[in-house]
């Protein structure tokens, strides 16, 4: 597995964790964005950790554009 794939998997793991987090003062907009991102990350999960394909795109390469977008939207700095 190459370094870029390791980085994508690490970013995916952090995004999944962020989608499950809440904090005092979280806006309803951010809560909705995290819920939507979490669903997209779940639907487009990597098939495995060594040679992943996208579970939501019928075996297409992982990460797909939906996954990359969901990772970005889960980041509170962007919300």
C-alpha atoms as a PDB file:
ATOM      1  CA  UNK A   1       0.000   0.000   0.000  1.00  0.00           C
ATOM      2  CA  UNK A   2       1.390   3.373  -0.945  1.00  0.00           C
ATOM      3  CA  UNK A   3       1.721   6.401   1.304  1.00  0.00           C
ATOM      4  CA  UNK A   4      -1.151   8.288  -0.325  1.00  0.00           C
ATOM      5  CA  UNK A   5      -3.551   5.389   0.365  1.00  0.00           C
ATOM      6  CA  UNK A   6      -2.413   5.259   4.001  1.00  0.00           C
ATOM      7  CA  UNK A   7      -3.094   8.983   4.257  1.00  0.00           C
ATOM      8  CA  UNK A   8      -6.596   8.592   2.757  1.00  0.00           C
ATOM      9  CA  UNK A   9      -7.395   5.768   5.184  1.00  0.00           C
ATOM     10  CA  UNK A  10      -6.152   7.850   8.111  1.00  0.00           C
ATOM     11  CA  UNK A  11      -8.229  10.855   7.002  1.00  0.00           C
ATOM     12  CA  UNK A  12     -11.246   8.561   6.576  1.00  0.00           C
ATOM     13  CA  UNK A  13     -10.839   7.213  10.130  1.00  0.00           C
ATOM     14  CA  UNK A  14     -10.577  10.745  11.564  1.00  0.00           C
ATOM     15  CA  UNK A  15     -13.650  11.858   9.595  1.00  0.00           C
ATOM     16  CA  UNK A  16     -15.707   8.900  10.823  1.00  0.00           C
ATOM     17  CA  UNK A  17     -14.729   9.761  14.401  1.00  0.00           C
ATOM     18  CA  UNK A  18     -15.582  13.459  13.893  1.00  0.00           C
ATOM     19  CA  UNK A  19     -19.014  12.596  12.501  1.00  0.00           C
ATOM     20  CA  UNK A  20     -19.888  10.898  15.784  1.00  0.00           C
ATOM     21  CA  UNK A  21     -18.702  13.766  17.976  1.00  0.00           C
ATOM     22  CA  UNK A  22     -20.797  16.565  19.422  1.00  0.00           C
ATOM     23  CA  UNK A  23     -19.849  19.499  21.597  1.00  0.00           C
ATOM     24  CA  UNK A  24     -21.557  22.247  23.530  1.00  0.00           C
ATOM     25  CA  UNK A  25     -22.435  25.074  21.194  1.00  0.00           C
ATOM     26  CA  UNK A  26     -22.456  22.954  18.040  1.00  0.00           C
ATOM     27  CA  UNK A  27     -24.799  24.581  15.541  1.00  0.00           C
ATOM     28  CA  UNK A  28     -27.682  22.638  14.080  1.00  0.00           C
ATOM     29  CA  UNK A  29     -26.161  23.183  10.632  1.00  0.00           C
ATOM     30  CA  UNK A  30     -22.889  21.538  11.654  1.00  0.00           C
ATOM     31  CA  UNK A  31     -24.781  18.681  13.280  1.00  0.00           C
ATOM     32  CA  UNK A  32     -26.694  18.041  10.031  1.00  0.00           C
ATOM     33  CA  UNK A  33     -23.528  18.281   7.918  1.00  0.00           C
ATOM     34  CA  UNK A  34     -21.795  15.736  10.156  1.00  0.00           C
ATOM     35  CA  UNK A  35     -24.801  13.389   9.991  1.00  0.00           C
ATOM     36  CA  UNK A  36     -24.910  13.563   6.192  1.00  0.00           C
ATOM     37  CA  UNK A  37     -21.134  13.142   5.961  1.00  0.00           C
ATOM     38  CA  UNK A  38     -21.294  10.165   8.312  1.00  0.00           C
ATOM     39  CA  UNK A  39     -23.917   8.443   6.168  1.00  0.00           C
ATOM     40  CA  UNK A  40     -21.875   9.032   3.026  1.00  0.00           C
ATOM     41  CA  UNK A  41     -18.727   7.720   4.683  1.00  0.00           C
ATOM     42  CA  UNK A  42     -20.616   4.622   5.807  1.00  0.00           C
ATOM     43  CA  UNK A  43     -22.064   4.006   2.339  1.00  0.00           C
ATOM     44  CA  UNK A  44     -18.722   4.547   0.592  1.00  0.00           C
ATOM     45  CA  UNK A  45     -16.426   2.759   3.025  1.00  0.00           C
ATOM     46  CA  UNK A  46     -13.234   1.038   1.900  1.00  0.00           C
ATOM     47  CA  UNK A  47     -13.757  -2.662   1.226  1.00  0.00           C
ATOM     48  CA  UNK A  48     -10.510  -3.552   3.031  1.00  0.00           C
ATOM     49  CA  UNK A  49      -7.287  -1.944   4.219  1.00  0.00           C
ATOM     50  CA  UNK A  50      -4.796  -3.433   1.766  1.00  0.00           C
ATOM     51  CA  UNK A  51      -6.342  -2.870  -1.671  1.00  0.00           C
ATOM     52  CA  UNK A  52      -9.603  -1.015  -1.038  1.00  0.00           C
ATOM     53  CA  UNK A  53     -12.456  -0.584  -3.452  1.00  0.00           C
ATOM     54  CA  UNK A  54     -15.522   1.567  -2.764  1.00  0.00           C
ATOM     55  CA  UNK A  55     -18.411  -0.352  -1.209  1.00  0.00           C
ATOM     56  CA  UNK A  56     -20.901   2.220  -2.515  1.00  0.00           C
ATOM     57  CA  UNK A  57     -19.622   2.402  -6.089  1.00  0.00           C
ATOM     58  CA  UNK A  58     -19.726  -1.259  -7.106  1.00  0.00           C
ATOM     59  CA  UNK A  59     -16.043  -2.021  -6.761  1.00  0.00           C
ATOM     60  CA  UNK A  60     -14.692   1.239  -8.149  1.00  0.00           C
ATOM     61  CA  UNK A  61     -11.376   2.497  -6.756  1.00  0.00           C
ATOM     62  CA  UNK A  62     -11.448   3.928  -3.271  1.00  0.00           C
ATOM     63  CA  UNK A  63     -11.583   6.758  -2.242  1.00  0.00           C
ATOM     64  CA  UNK A  64     -14.302   7.939  -4.601  1.00  0.00           C
ATOM     65  CA  UNK A  65     -15.241  11.599  -4.983  1.00  0.00           C
ATOM     66  CA  UNK A  66     -18.173  11.156  -2.581  1.00  0.00           C
ATOM     67  CA  UNK A  67     -15.799   9.856   0.101  1.00  0.00           C
ATOM     68  CA  UNK A  68     -13.345  12.707  -0.428  1.00  0.00           C
ATOM     69  CA  UNK A  69     -16.172  15.250  -0.220  1.00  0.00           C
ATOM     70  CA  UNK A  70     -17.590  13.679   2.949  1.00  0.00           C
ATOM     71  CA  UNK A  71     -14.145  13.716   4.558  1.00  0.00           C
ATOM     72  CA  UNK A  72     -13.815  17.418   3.774  1.00  0.00           C
ATOM     73  CA  UNK A  73     -17.322  18.320   4.965  1.00  0.00           C
ATOM     74  CA  UNK A  74     -16.853  16.504   8.262  1.00  0.00           C
ATOM     75  CA  UNK A  75     -14.014  18.891   9.133  1.00  0.00           C
ATOM     76  CA  UNK A  76     -15.363  21.574  11.505  1.00  0.00           C
ATOM     77  CA  UNK A  77     -12.904  24.130  10.110  1.00  0.00           C
ATOM     78  CA  UNK A  78     -14.908  24.062   6.867  1.00  0.00           C
ATOM     79  CA  UNK A  79     -18.342  24.382   8.501  1.00  0.00           C
END
